[in-house]
PDB file of N, CA and C in Angstrom:
ATOM      1  N   MET A   1     180.683 212.345 222.024  1.00  0.00           N
ATOM      2  CA  MET A   1     180.583 211.050 222.241  1.00  0.00           C
ATOM      3  C   MET A   1     180.612 210.535 223.536  1.00  0.00           C
ATOM      4  N   ARG A   2     179.819 209.608 224.621  1.00  0.00           N
ATOM      5  CA  ARG A   2     180.321 208.613 225.148  1.00  0.00           C
ATOM      6  C   ARG A   2     181.413 207.662 225.196  1.00  0.00           C
ATOM      7  N   LEU A   3     182.158 207.839 226.288  1.00  0.00           N
ATOM      8  CA  LEU A   3     183.412 207.046 226.290  1.00  0.00           C
ATOM      9  C   LEU A   3     182.878 205.047 225.721  1.00  0.00           C
ATOM     10  N   ASP A   4     181.748 204.836 226.525  1.00  0.00           N
ATOM     11  CA  ASP A   4     181.122 203.486 226.110  1.00  0.00           C
ATOM     12  C   ASP A   4     180.418 203.140 225.011  1.00  0.00           C
ATOM     13  N   LYS A   5     180.015 204.132 224.977  1.00  0.00           N
ATOM     14  CA  LYS A   5     179.659 203.997 222.299  1.00  0.00           C
ATOM     15  C   LYS A   5     181.202 204.373 221.836  1.00  0.00           C
ATOM     16  N   PHE A   6     181.806 205.044 222.268  1.00  0.00           N
ATOM     17  CA  PHE A   6     182.598 204.860 221.731  1.00  0.00           C
ATOM     18  C   PHE A   6     183.717 203.631 221.606  1.00  0.00           C
ATOM     19  N   LEU A   7     183.519 203.219 222.352  1.00  0.00           N
ATOM     20  CA  LEU A   7     184.470 201.417 222.448  1.00  0.00           C
ATOM     21  C   LEU A   7     183.878 200.709 221.251  1.00  0.00           C
ATOM     22  N   LYS A   8     182.347 200.601 221.899  1.00  0.00           N
ATOM     23  CA  LYS A   8     181.605 199.768 221.221  1.00  0.00           C
ATOM     24  C   LYS A   8     181.245 200.096 219.995  1.00  0.00           C
ATOM     25  N   VAL A   9     181.065 201.216 218.834  1.00  0.00           N
ATOM     26  CA  VAL A   9     181.271 201.623 217.798  1.00  0.00           C
ATOM     27  C   VAL A   9     182.387 201.669 217.134  1.00  0.00           C
ATOM     28  N   SER A  10     183.310 201.625 217.771  1.00  0.00           N
ATOM     29  CA  SER A  10     184.973 201.340 217.115  1.00  0.00           C
ATOM     30  C   SER A  10     185.357 200.182 217.538  1.00  0.00           C
ATOM     31  N   ARG A  11     184.828 199.599 217.564  1.00  0.00           N
ATOM     32  CA  ARG A  11     184.948 197.909 218.288  1.00  0.00           C
ATOM     33  C   ARG A  11     186.484 197.497 218.878  1.00  0.00           C
ATOM     34  N   ILE A  12     186.618 198.149 219.213  1.00  0.00           N
ATOM     35  CA  ILE A  12     187.419 198.574 220.985  1.00  0.00           C
ATOM     36  C   ILE A  12     186.956 196.968 221.715  1.00  0.00           C
ATOM     37  N   ILE A  13     186.394 197.516 222.108  1.00  0.00           N
ATOM     38  CA  ILE A  13     184.802 196.033 223.034  1.00  0.00           C
ATOM     39  C   ILE A  13     183.584 196.316 222.338  1.00  0.00           C
ATOM     40  N   LYS A  14     183.199 194.505 222.705  1.00  0.00           N
ATOM     41  CA  LYS A  14     182.079 194.608 221.974  1.00  0.00           C
ATOM     42  C   LYS A  14     180.643 194.872 221.857  1.00  0.00           C
ATOM     43  N   ARG A  15     180.728 194.806 223.093  1.00  0.00           N
ATOM     44  CA  ARG A  15     179.382 195.251 223.892  1.00  0.00           C
ATOM     45  C   ARG A  15     179.567 196.373 224.523  1.00  0.00           C
ATOM     46  N   ARG A  16     178.447 197.243 224.934  1.00  0.00           N
ATOM     47  CA  ARG A  16     178.662 198.904 225.482  1.00  0.00           C
ATOM     48  C   ARG A  16     178.055 198.525 226.995  1.00  0.00           C
ATOM     49  N   PRO A  17     177.676 197.208 227.410  1.00  0.00           N
ATOM     50  CA  PRO A  17     177.375 197.167 229.423  1.00  0.00           C
ATOM     51  C   PRO A  17     179.207 196.712 229.376  1.00  0.00           C
ATOM     52  N   LEU A  18     180.366 195.999 228.621  1.00  0.00           N
ATOM     53  CA  LEU A  18     180.721 195.926 229.083  1.00  0.00           C
ATOM     54  C   LEU A  18     181.776 197.150 229.197  1.00  0.00           C
ATOM     55  N   ALA A  19     181.785 197.358 228.463  1.00  0.00           N
ATOM     56  CA  ALA A  19     182.746 198.195 228.036  1.00  0.00           C
ATOM     57  C   ALA A  19     181.725 199.817 229.270  1.00  0.00           C
ATOM     58  N   LYS A  20     180.837 200.223 229.552  1.00  0.00           N
ATOM     59  CA  LYS A  20     180.735 200.458 231.022  1.00  0.00           C
ATOM     60  C   LYS A  20     181.285 200.430 232.240  1.00  0.00           C
ATOM     61  N   THR A  21     181.200 198.954 232.362  1.00  0.00           N
ATOM     62  CA  THR A  21     181.950 197.905 233.394  1.00  0.00           C
ATOM     63  C   THR A  21     182.992 198.297 233.477  1.00  0.00           C
ATOM     64  N   MET A  22     183.911 197.918 232.493  1.00  0.00           N
ATOM     65  CA  MET A  22     185.481 198.202 232.466  1.00  0.00           C
ATOM     66  C   MET A  22     185.570 199.974 233.118  1.00  0.00           C
ATOM     67  N   SER A  23     184.705 200.755 232.463  1.00  0.00           N
ATOM     68  CA  SER A  23     185.314 202.152 232.602  1.00  0.00           C
ATOM     69  C   SER A  23     185.083 202.051 234.475  1.00  0.00           C
ATOM     70  N   ASP A  24     183.793 201.849 234.867  1.00  0.00           N
ATOM     71  CA  ASP A  24     183.275 201.878 236.013  1.00  0.00           C
ATOM     72  C   ASP A  24     184.353 201.197 237.050  1.00  0.00           C
ATOM     73  N   ASP A  25     185.045 200.474 236.931  1.00  0.00           N
ATOM     74  CA  ASP A  25     186.119 199.674 237.344  1.00  0.00           C
ATOM     75  C   ASP A  25     186.933 200.321 237.268  1.00  0.00           C
ATOM     76  N   GLY A  26     187.372 201.286 236.624  1.00  0.00           N
ATOM     77  CA  GLY A  26     188.570 202.080 236.481  1.00  0.00           C
ATOM     78  C   GLY A  26     190.124 201.404 235.203  1.00  0.00           C
ATOM     79  N   ARG A  27     189.293 200.640 234.873  1.00  0.00           N
ATOM     80  CA  ARG A  27     190.265 200.053 233.689  1.00  0.00           C
ATOM     81  C   ARG A  27     190.799 201.226 232.659  1.00  0.00           C
ATOM     82  N   ILE A  28     190.176 202.448 232.290  1.00  0.00           N
ATOM     83  CA  ILE A  28     190.238 202.932 230.881  1.00  0.00           C
ATOM     84  C   ILE A  28     190.752 204.440 231.666  1.00  0.00           C
ATOM     85  N   GLU A  29     191.521 204.612 231.137  1.00  0.00           N
ATOM     86  CA  GLU A  29     191.857 206.601 231.172  1.00  0.00           C
ATOM     87  C   GLU A  29     191.977 207.152 229.594  1.00  0.00           C
ATOM     88  N   VAL A  30     191.348 208.769 230.223  1.00  0.00           N
ATOM     89  CA  VAL A  30     191.486 208.980 228.407  1.00  0.00           C
ATOM     90  C   VAL A  30     192.491 210.520 228.949  1.00  0.00           C
ATOM     91  N   ASN A  31     193.349 210.361 228.169  1.00  0.00           N
ATOM     92  CA  ASN A  31     194.446 211.274 228.557  1.00  0.00           C
ATOM     93  C   ASN A  31     194.705 211.178 229.543  1.00  0.00           C
ATOM     94  N   GLY A  32     194.941 210.515 230.221  1.00  0.00           N
ATOM     95  CA  GLY A  32     195.941 210.263 231.505  1.00  0.00           C
ATOM     96  C   GLY A  32     194.957 210.508 232.679  1.00  0.00           C
ATOM     97  N   ARG A  33     193.597 210.254 232.300  1.00  0.00           N
ATOM     98  CA  ARG A  33     192.648 210.292 233.969  1.00  0.00           C
ATOM     99  C   ARG A  33     191.819 209.031 233.884  1.00  0.00           C
ATOM    100  N   VAL A  34     191.529 208.836 234.825  1.00  0.00           N
ATOM    101  CA  VAL A  34     191.172 207.895 235.178  1.00  0.00           C
ATOM    102  C   VAL A  34     189.506 208.004 234.544  1.00  0.00           C
ATOM    103  N   ALA A  35     188.719 207.820 233.431  1.00  0.00           N
ATOM    104  CA  ALA A  35     187.723 208.071 233.116  1.00  0.00           C
ATOM    105  C   ALA A  35     186.319 206.778 233.317  1.00  0.00           C
ATOM    106  N   LYS A  36     185.139 207.482 233.613  1.00  0.00           N
ATOM    107  CA  LYS A  36     183.850 206.699 233.650  1.00  0.00           C
ATOM    108  C   LYS A  36     183.221 206.112 232.459  1.00  0.00           C
ATOM    109  N   ALA A  37     182.238 205.766 232.178  1.00  0.00           N
ATOM    110  CA  ALA A  37     181.499 205.916 230.828  1.00  0.00           C
ATOM    111  C   ALA A  37     180.835 206.780 230.706  1.00  0.00           C
ATOM    112  N   GLY A  38     180.621 207.579 231.299  1.00  0.00           N
ATOM    113  CA  GLY A  38     180.315 209.210 231.002  1.00  0.00           C
ATOM    114  C   GLY A  38     180.743 209.890 230.098  1.00  0.00           C
ATOM    115  N   THR A  39     182.289 209.856 230.264  1.00  0.00           N
ATOM    116  CA  THR A  39     183.102 211.037 229.962  1.00  0.00           C
ATOM    117  C   THR A  39     183.211 210.894 228.509  1.00  0.00           C
ATOM    118  N   ASN A  40     183.387 212.016 227.534  1.00  0.00           N
ATOM    119  CA  ASN A  40     183.240 212.577 226.529  1.00  0.00           C
ATOM    120  C   ASN A  40     184.610 212.677 225.920  1.00  0.00           C
ATOM    121  N   VAL A  41     184.670 211.474 224.677  1.00  0.00           N
ATOM    122  CA  VAL A  41     185.488 211.233 223.624  1.00  0.00           C
ATOM    123  C   VAL A  41     185.543 212.228 222.481  1.00  0.00           C
ATOM    124  N   GLU A  42     186.586 212.951 222.677  1.00  0.00           N
ATOM    125  CA  GLU A  42     186.762 213.649 221.401  1.00  0.00           C
ATOM    126  C   GLU A  42     188.135 213.696 220.551  1.00  0.00           C
ATOM    127  N   VAL A  43     188.328 213.715 219.324  1.00  0.00           N
ATOM    128  CA  VAL A  43     189.403 213.509 218.409  1.00  0.00           C
ATOM    129  C   VAL A  43     190.254 214.178 218.888  1.00  0.00           C
ATOM    130  N   GLY A  44     191.480 213.256 218.430  1.00  0.00           N
ATOM    131  CA  GLY A  44     192.945 213.362 219.285  1.00  0.00           C
ATOM    132  C   GLY A  44     192.918 212.983 220.824  1.00  0.00           C
ATOM    133  N   ASP A  45     192.062 212.608 222.014  1.00  0.00           N
ATOM    134  CA  ASP A  45     191.775 211.745 222.937  1.00  0.00           C
ATOM    135  C   ASP A  45     192.784 210.810 222.619  1.00  0.00           C
ATOM    136  N   GLU A  46     193.733 210.423 223.876  1.00  0.00           N
ATOM    137  CA  GLU A  46     194.121 209.092 223.923  1.00  0.00           C
ATOM    138  C   GLU A  46     194.138 208.367 225.341  1.00  0.00           C
ATOM    139  N   LEU A  47     193.349 206.746 224.463  1.00  0.00           N
ATOM    140  CA  LEU A  47     193.322 205.842 225.807  1.00  0.00           C
ATOM    141  C   LEU A  47     193.567 205.076 225.839  1.00  0.00           C
ATOM    142  N   LYS A  48     194.059 204.548 227.214  1.00  0.00           N
ATOM    143  CA  LYS A  48     194.666 203.646 227.598  1.00  0.00           C
ATOM    144  C   LYS A  48     193.809 202.621 228.831  1.00  0.00           C
ATOM    145  N   ILE A  49     193.687 201.447 227.635  1.00  0.00           N
ATOM    146  CA  ILE A  49     193.069 200.313 228.322  1.00  0.00           C
ATOM    147  C   ILE A  49     193.155 199.478 229.186  1.00  0.00           C
ATOM    148  N   ARG A  50     192.932 198.737 229.954  1.00  0.00           N
ATOM    149  CA  ARG A  50     193.742 197.530 230.908  1.00  0.00           C
ATOM    150  C   ARG A  50     193.056 196.224 230.739  1.00  0.00           C
ATOM    151  N   PHE A  51     193.259 195.303 229.628  1.00  0.00           N
ATOM    152  CA  PHE A  51     192.934 194.050 228.933  1.00  0.00           C
ATOM    153  C   PHE A  51     193.619 193.159 229.792  1.00  0.00           C
ATOM    154  N   GLY A  52     193.377 192.652 231.146  1.00  0.00           N
ATOM    155  CA  GLY A  52     193.813 191.696 231.913  1.00  0.00           C
ATOM    156  C   GLY A  52     195.353 192.273 231.958  1.00  0.00           C
ATOM    157  N   LYS A  53     196.730 190.657 231.451  1.00  0.00           N
ATOM    158  CA  LYS A  53     197.741 191.613 232.336  1.00  0.00           C
ATOM    159  C   LYS A  53     198.100 192.094 230.452  1.00  0.00           C
ATOM    160  N   ARG A  54     197.033 192.886 229.883  1.00  0.00           N
ATOM    161  CA  ARG A  54     197.982 193.627 229.052  1.00  0.00           C
ATOM    162  C   ARG A  54     197.342 195.202 229.026  1.00  0.00           C
ATOM    163  N   ILE A  55     197.673 196.353 228.757  1.00  0.00           N
ATOM    164  CA  ILE A  55     197.668 197.790 228.492  1.00  0.00           C
ATOM    165  C   ILE A  55     197.889 198.118 227.290  1.00  0.00           C
ATOM    166  N   VAL A  56     196.961 198.629 226.460  1.00  0.00           N
ATOM    167  CA  VAL A  56     196.613 199.167 225.081  1.00  0.00           C
ATOM    168  C   VAL A  56     196.478 200.750 225.064  1.00  0.00           C
ATOM    169  N   THR A  57     197.241 201.005 224.563  1.00  0.00           N
ATOM    170  CA  THR A  57     197.116 202.620 223.988  1.00  0.00           C
ATOM    171  C   THR A  57     196.225 203.376 222.686  1.00  0.00           C
ATOM    172  N   TYR A  58     195.217 203.801 222.727  1.00  0.00           N
ATOM    173  CA  TYR A  58     195.004 204.028 221.052  1.00  0.00           C
ATOM    174  C   TYR A  58     194.549 205.640 220.978  1.00  0.00           C
ATOM    175  N   LYS A  59     194.527 206.091 219.980  1.00  0.00           N
ATOM    176  CA  LYS A  59     194.277 207.630 219.548  1.00  0.00           C
ATOM    177  C   LYS A  59     192.991 207.752 218.996  1.00  0.00           C
ATOM    178  N   VAL A  60     192.303 208.666 219.480  1.00  0.00           N
ATOM    179  CA  VAL A  60     190.992 208.543 218.770  1.00  0.00           C
ATOM    180  C   VAL A  60     191.368 209.743 217.759  1.00  0.00           C
ATOM    181  N   LEU A  61     191.085 208.965 216.104  1.00  0.00           N
ATOM    182  CA  LEU A  61     191.356 209.723 215.024  1.00  0.00           C
ATOM    183  C   LEU A  61     189.600 210.466 214.271  1.00  0.00           C
ATOM    184  N   ASP A  62     188.467 209.627 214.867  1.00  0.00           N
ATOM    185  CA  ASP A  62     187.765 209.772 214.495  1.00  0.00           C
ATOM    186  C   ASP A  62     186.120 209.721 215.107  1.00  0.00           C
ATOM    187  N   LEU A  63     184.871 210.142 215.101  1.00  0.00           N
ATOM    188  CA  LEU A  63     184.061 209.883 215.836  1.00  0.00           C
ATOM    189  C   LEU A  63     183.312 209.659 214.804  1.00  0.00           C
ATOM    190  N   LYS A  64     182.168 208.303 214.877  1.00  0.00           N
ATOM    191  CA  LYS A  64     181.180 208.627 214.192  1.00  0.00           C
ATOM    192  C   LYS A  64     180.008 207.870 214.913  1.00  0.00           C
ATOM    193  N   GLU A  65     178.917 207.552 214.814  1.00  0.00           N
ATOM    194  CA  GLU A  65     177.351 207.569 215.853  1.00  0.00           C
ATOM    195  C   GLU A  65     177.598 205.350 214.887  1.00  0.00           C
ATOM    196  N   HIS A  66     177.262 205.550 214.117  1.00  0.00           N
ATOM    197  CA  HIS A  66     177.797 204.375 213.683  1.00  0.00           C
ATOM    198  C   HIS A  66     178.749 204.049 212.585  1.00  0.00           C
ATOM    199  N   ALA A  67     179.182 202.453 212.350  1.00  0.00           N
ATOM    200  CA  ALA A  67     180.203 202.473 211.743  1.00  0.00           C
ATOM    201  C   ALA A  67     180.810 200.836 211.537  1.00  0.00           C
ATOM    202  N   LYS A  68     180.346 200.670 210.245  1.00  0.00           N
ATOM    203  CA  LYS A  68     181.062 199.196 209.513  1.00  0.00           C
ATOM    204  C   LYS A  68     182.483 199.259 209.776  1.00  0.00           C
ATOM    205  N   LYS A  69     182.954 197.385 209.725  1.00  0.00           N
ATOM    206  CA  LYS A  69     184.054 197.457 210.044  1.00  0.00           C
ATOM    207  C   LYS A  69     184.956 198.022 209.524  1.00  0.00           C
ATOM    208  N   GLU A  70     184.957 198.303 208.272  1.00  0.00           N
ATOM    209  CA  GLU A  70     185.895 199.014 207.467  1.00  0.00           C
ATOM    210  C   GLU A  70     186.039 200.686 208.117  1.00  0.00           C
ATOM    211  N   GLU A  71     185.328 201.082 208.748  1.00  0.00           N
ATOM    212  CA  GLU A  71     184.801 202.613 208.668  1.00  0.00           C
ATOM    213  C   GLU A  71     185.418 202.520 210.534  1.00  0.00           C
ATOM    214  N   ALA A  72     184.878 201.699 211.308  1.00  0.00           N
ATOM    215  CA  ALA A  72     185.492 201.313 212.802  1.00  0.00           C
ATOM    216  C   ALA A  72     187.014 201.242 212.943  1.00  0.00           C
ATOM    217  N   GLU A  73     188.051 200.476 212.232  1.00  0.00           N
ATOM    218  CA  GLU A  73     189.311 200.537 211.416  1.00  0.00           C
ATOM    219  C   GLU A  73     190.151 201.926 211.565  1.00  0.00           C
ATOM    220  N   GLN A  74     189.783 202.570 211.084  1.00  0.00           N
ATOM    221  CA  GLN A  74     189.634 204.033 210.581  1.00  0.00           C
ATOM    222  C   GLN A  74     189.212 205.470 211.782  1.00  0.00           C
ATOM    223  N   MET A  75     188.373 204.617 212.931  1.00  0.00           N
ATOM    224  CA  MET A  75     188.400 205.317 213.465  1.00  0.00           C
ATOM    225  C   MET A  75     189.817 205.707 214.338  1.00  0.00           C
ATOM    226  N   ILE A  76     190.219 204.756 215.081  1.00  0.00           N
ATOM    227  CA  ILE A  76     191.333 204.252 215.906  1.00  0.00           C
ATOM    228  C   ILE A  76     192.679 204.415 215.697  1.00  0.00           C
ATOM    229  N   GLU A  77     193.687 204.503 216.469  1.00  0.00           N
ATOM    230  CA  GLU A  77     195.308 204.266 215.876  1.00  0.00           C
ATOM    231  C   GLU A  77     196.171 203.126 217.232  1.00  0.00           C
ATOM    232  N   LEU A  78     196.306 202.775 216.842  1.00  0.00           N
ATOM    233  CA  LEU A  78     196.886 201.929 217.987  1.00  0.00           C
ATOM    234  C   LEU A  78     198.500 202.532 218.243  1.00  0.00           C
ATOM    235  N   LEU A  79     198.348 202.966 219.537  1.00  0.00           N
ATOM    236  CA  LEU A  79     199.721 203.450 219.793  1.00  0.00           C
ATOM    237  C   LEU A  79     201.114 202.702 220.260  1.00  0.00           C
ATOM    238  N   ASN A  80     200.117 202.080 221.321  1.00  0.00           N
ATOM    239  CA  ASN A  80     201.212 200.786 222.039  1.00  0.00           C
ATOM    240  C   ASN A  80     200.483 199.689 223.041  1.00  0.00           C
ATOM    241  N   ASP A  81     201.029 198.435 222.729  1.00  0.00           N
ATOM    242  CA  ASP A  81     200.510 196.965 223.436  1.00  0.00           C
ATOM    243  C   ASP A  81     201.503 196.695 224.220  1.00  0.00           C
ATOM    244  N   GLU A  82     201.660 196.955 225.483  1.00  0.00           N
ATOM    245  CA  GLU A  82     202.126 196.372 226.327  1.00  0.00           C
ATOM    246  C   GLU A  82     201.705 195.297 227.381  1.00  0.00           C
ATOM    247  N   LYS A  83     202.056 194.037 227.619  1.00  0.00           N
ATOM    248  CA  LYS A  83     202.292 193.297 228.774  1.00  0.00           C
ATOM    249  C   LYS A  83     202.674 193.843 229.709  1.00  0.00           C
ATOM    250  N   ILE A  84     202.217 193.338 231.128  1.00  0.00           N
ATOM    251  CA  ILE A  84     202.349 194.233 232.357  1.00  0.00           C
ATOM    252  C   ILE A  84     202.714 192.462 233.232  1.00  0.00           C
ATOM    253  N   GLU A  85     203.694 192.590 234.226  1.00  0.00           N
ATOM    254  CA  GLU A  85     203.935 191.972 235.044  1.00  0.00           C
ATOM    255  C   GLU A  85     203.357 191.779 236.245  1.00  0.00           C
ATOM    256  N   ASP A  86     203.009 193.341 236.657  1.00  0.00           N
ATOM    257  CA  ASP A  86     202.959 193.680 238.075  1.00  0.00           C
ATOM    258  C   ASP A  86     201.524 194.541 237.896  1.00  0.00           C
ATOM    259  N   ASP A  87     200.740 194.086 238.590  1.00  0.00           N
ATOM    260  CA  ASP A  87     199.079 194.988 238.642  1.00  0.00           C
ATOM    261  C   ASP A  87     199.173 196.367 239.483  1.00  0.00           C
ATOM    262  N   SER A  88     200.394 196.514 240.182  1.00  0.00           N
ATOM    263  CA  SER A  88     200.515 197.267 240.920  1.00  0.00           C
ATOM    264  C   SER A  88     199.907 198.524 240.316  1.00  0.00           C
ATOM    265  N   GLU A  89     200.440 199.232 238.871  1.00  0.00           N
ATOM    266  CA  GLU A  89     199.945 200.514 238.395  1.00  0.00           C
ATOM    267  C   GLU A  89     198.499 200.752 238.636  1.00  0.00           C
ATOM    268  N   TRP A  90     197.252 199.494 238.798  1.00  0.00           N
ATOM    269  CA  TRP A  90     196.407 200.002 238.339  1.00  0.00           C
ATOM    270  C   TRP A  90     195.826 199.476 239.268  1.00  0.00           C
TER     271      TRP A  90
END
């Protein structure tokens, strides 16, 4: 499944165009590598996303084309949520 679609279906990011923009800006990593919107996401992958001054890490548990809110919550596992002081890492 494409990264931008997964981010929308799992409700990490509300809109797919925003997910595409964030990935194209280099703010998303899949398994430690900067990912574009078309990057293929698979079960077991680790996503690291920079939201402003936060870096959130998720593990992909399931892939679905469409998901209700309850199903979307079961698609991912939150691994880490950290605040960053310095933007130089990204």
